Amino acid sequence: MEKRRFGPKPTMRKIPNNGKATVKFLSLPKPVETTFDTGYGPDNNLKWEMDIELIAHPEQEAGKMVWQTTAIVIRVEIYSLVLDCGDKKPPLNELLKDLGSNNWEIQADERGVINLQEL
C-alpha cells in the first residue's frame, strides 16, 4: 500500500543542457497558474503539469512526482492533442493509454530545448 502524502507535490528538477531523463507519463498535461511570469497564457503565468514516474535523471532520485514545464513539445504539441479530444472521455483515455504505454526520454539539447523520444 502506498503511503499518503500531504503538501506540495514533489517536482522533477530541470534537466541540464545536453542531459536526459527517463519517465513514464501517468497523466495528460494540464495548465497550472504560477506566481511568476512564464510568458505563456492570458496572464503570462502558465506552466503545464503532468504526473510522472521518474525512472532516471542526472540530478534526482527516481519516484512519482510532477513535471512542470513550458516546453513547446508539451504546451503545443501534446496539449493540442488533449484539446482536440475536448471533454470526450474515451479519446482522452486512449491518448493517456498511448502515452503511458511506454517509457519516454526527455532530452534537453545544448540550448535547453526539450524533445521527447519514445523508448
Protein backbone atom coordinates (compact mmCIF):
# COMPACT_ATOMS: atom_id res chain seq x y z
CA MET A 1 0.00 0.00 0.00
CA GLU A 2 1.32 3.41 -0.97
CA LYS A 3 1.68 5.88 1.90
CA ARG A 4 -0.37 9.08 1.73
CA ARG A 5 1.34 12.43 1.35
CA PHE A 6 0.06 15.95 2.04
CA GLY A 7 1.53 19.26 0.91
CA PRO A 8 3.17 20.30 -2.34
CA LYS A 9 3.83 17.56 -4.86
CA PRO A 10 7.44 16.60 -5.47
CA THR A 11 8.58 18.15 -8.75
CA MET A 12 11.09 16.92 -11.31
CA ARG A 13 14.15 19.15 -11.46
CA LYS A 14 15.22 20.87 -14.65
CA ILE A 15 17.26 18.64 -16.95
CA PRO A 16 20.71 20.12 -17.60
CA ASN A 17 21.59 21.12 -21.16
CA ASN A 18 22.69 18.05 -23.15
CA GLY A 19 21.02 15.92 -20.46
CA LYS A 20 18.17 13.45 -20.46
CA ALA A 21 15.68 11.85 -18.10
CA THR A 22 13.53 8.76 -18.48
CA VAL A 23 9.88 8.94 -17.39
CA LYS A 24 6.55 7.17 -17.60
CA PHE A 25 3.61 9.53 -18.11
CA LEU A 26 0.80 8.99 -15.58
CA SER A 27 -1.46 11.87 -16.67
CA LEU A 28 -2.11 14.21 -19.56
CA PRO A 29 -0.76 17.77 -19.39
CA LYS A 30 -2.92 20.45 -17.82
CA PRO A 31 -2.21 24.17 -17.47
CA VAL A 32 -1.40 25.42 -13.98
CA GLU A 33 -1.03 29.02 -12.81
CA THR A 34 2.22 30.19 -11.28
CA THR A 35 3.01 33.22 -9.15
CA PHE A 36 5.65 34.38 -11.64
CA ASP A 37 5.85 35.41 -15.29
CA THR A 38 6.34 32.45 -17.64
CA GLY A 39 5.44 34.35 -20.80
CA TYR A 40 2.60 31.92 -21.55
CA GLY A 41 -1.16 32.08 -21.10
CA PRO A 42 -3.53 35.06 -20.95
CA ASP A 43 -1.83 36.44 -17.83
CA ASN A 44 1.67 35.21 -18.78
CA ASN A 45 1.75 32.88 -15.76
CA LEU A 46 1.02 29.36 -17.06
CA LYS A 47 3.06 26.17 -16.95
CA TRP A 48 1.89 22.71 -17.97
CA GLU A 49 1.94 19.90 -15.44
CA MET A 50 1.94 16.11 -15.86
CA ASP A 51 2.06 13.38 -13.26
CA ILE A 52 5.06 11.16 -13.99
CA GLU A 53 7.06 8.32 -12.64
CA LEU A 54 10.67 9.45 -12.86
CA ILE A 55 12.83 6.47 -13.74
CA ALA A 56 16.21 8.13 -14.37
CA HIS A 57 17.52 11.70 -14.04
CA PRO A 58 21.09 13.04 -13.93
CA GLU A 59 20.48 15.01 -10.70
CA GLN A 60 17.48 13.46 -8.94
CA GLU A 61 16.27 10.20 -7.44
CA ALA A 62 13.51 8.20 -9.10
CA GLY A 63 9.91 8.24 -7.90
CA LYS A 64 6.40 9.54 -8.56
CA MET A 65 6.18 13.31 -8.99
CA VAL A 66 5.01 16.04 -11.34
CA TRP A 67 6.81 17.60 -14.27
CA GLN A 68 6.04 21.30 -14.67
CA THR A 69 7.21 22.77 -17.94
CA THR A 70 6.74 25.42 -20.59
CA ALA A 71 8.45 23.22 -23.21
CA ILE A 72 6.86 23.67 -26.62
CA VAL A 73 6.63 19.91 -27.08
CA ILE A 74 4.19 19.74 -24.14
CA ARG A 75 2.38 23.09 -24.24
CA VAL A 76 1.82 23.00 -28.01
CA GLU A 77 2.26 19.51 -29.47
CA ILE A 78 0.98 17.21 -26.70
CA TYR A 79 -1.52 19.67 -25.20
CA SER A 80 -3.07 20.28 -28.66
CA LEU A 81 -3.85 16.53 -28.78
CA VAL A 82 -5.63 16.94 -25.43
CA LEU A 83 -7.60 19.94 -26.71
CA ASP A 84 -8.54 18.04 -29.88
CA CYS A 85 -10.24 15.42 -27.67
CA GLY A 86 -12.34 18.08 -25.94
CA ASP A 87 -14.08 16.68 -22.89
CA LYS A 88 -14.73 13.29 -24.52
CA LYS A 89 -13.54 10.65 -22.04
CA PRO A 90 -12.87 7.76 -24.48
CA PRO A 91 -10.43 9.72 -26.69
CA LEU A 92 -8.72 11.24 -23.63
CA ASN A 93 -8.38 7.80 -22.05
CA GLU A 94 -6.94 6.42 -25.32
CA LEU A 95 -4.42 9.28 -25.51
CA LEU A 96 -3.32 8.67 -21.91
CA LYS A 97 -3.12 4.94 -22.56
CA ASP A 98 -0.98 5.58 -25.64
CA LEU A 99 1.39 7.99 -23.86
CA GLY A 100 1.55 5.81 -20.75
CA SER A 101 2.17 2.54 -22.56
CA ASN A 102 5.92 3.11 -22.90
CA ASN A 103 8.71 4.97 -21.19
CA TRP A 104 9.82 8.27 -22.69
CA GLU A 105 13.17 10.01 -22.73
CA ILE A 106 13.04 13.75 -22.14
CA GLN A 107 16.06 15.19 -23.91
CA ALA A 108 17.47 18.70 -23.45
CA ASP A 109 19.72 19.88 -26.28
CA GLU A 110 22.70 22.21 -25.89
CA ARG A 111 20.33 25.22 -25.66
CA GLY A 112 17.96 23.52 -23.21
CA VAL A 113 15.23 22.89 -25.81
CA ILE A 114 13.19 19.83 -24.80
CA ASN A 115 12.37 16.90 -27.07
CA LEU A 116 10.55 13.65 -26.28
CA GLN A 117 11.66 10.26 -27.56
CA GLU A 118 9.56 7.15 -27.04
CA LEU A 119 11.65 4.23 -25.79
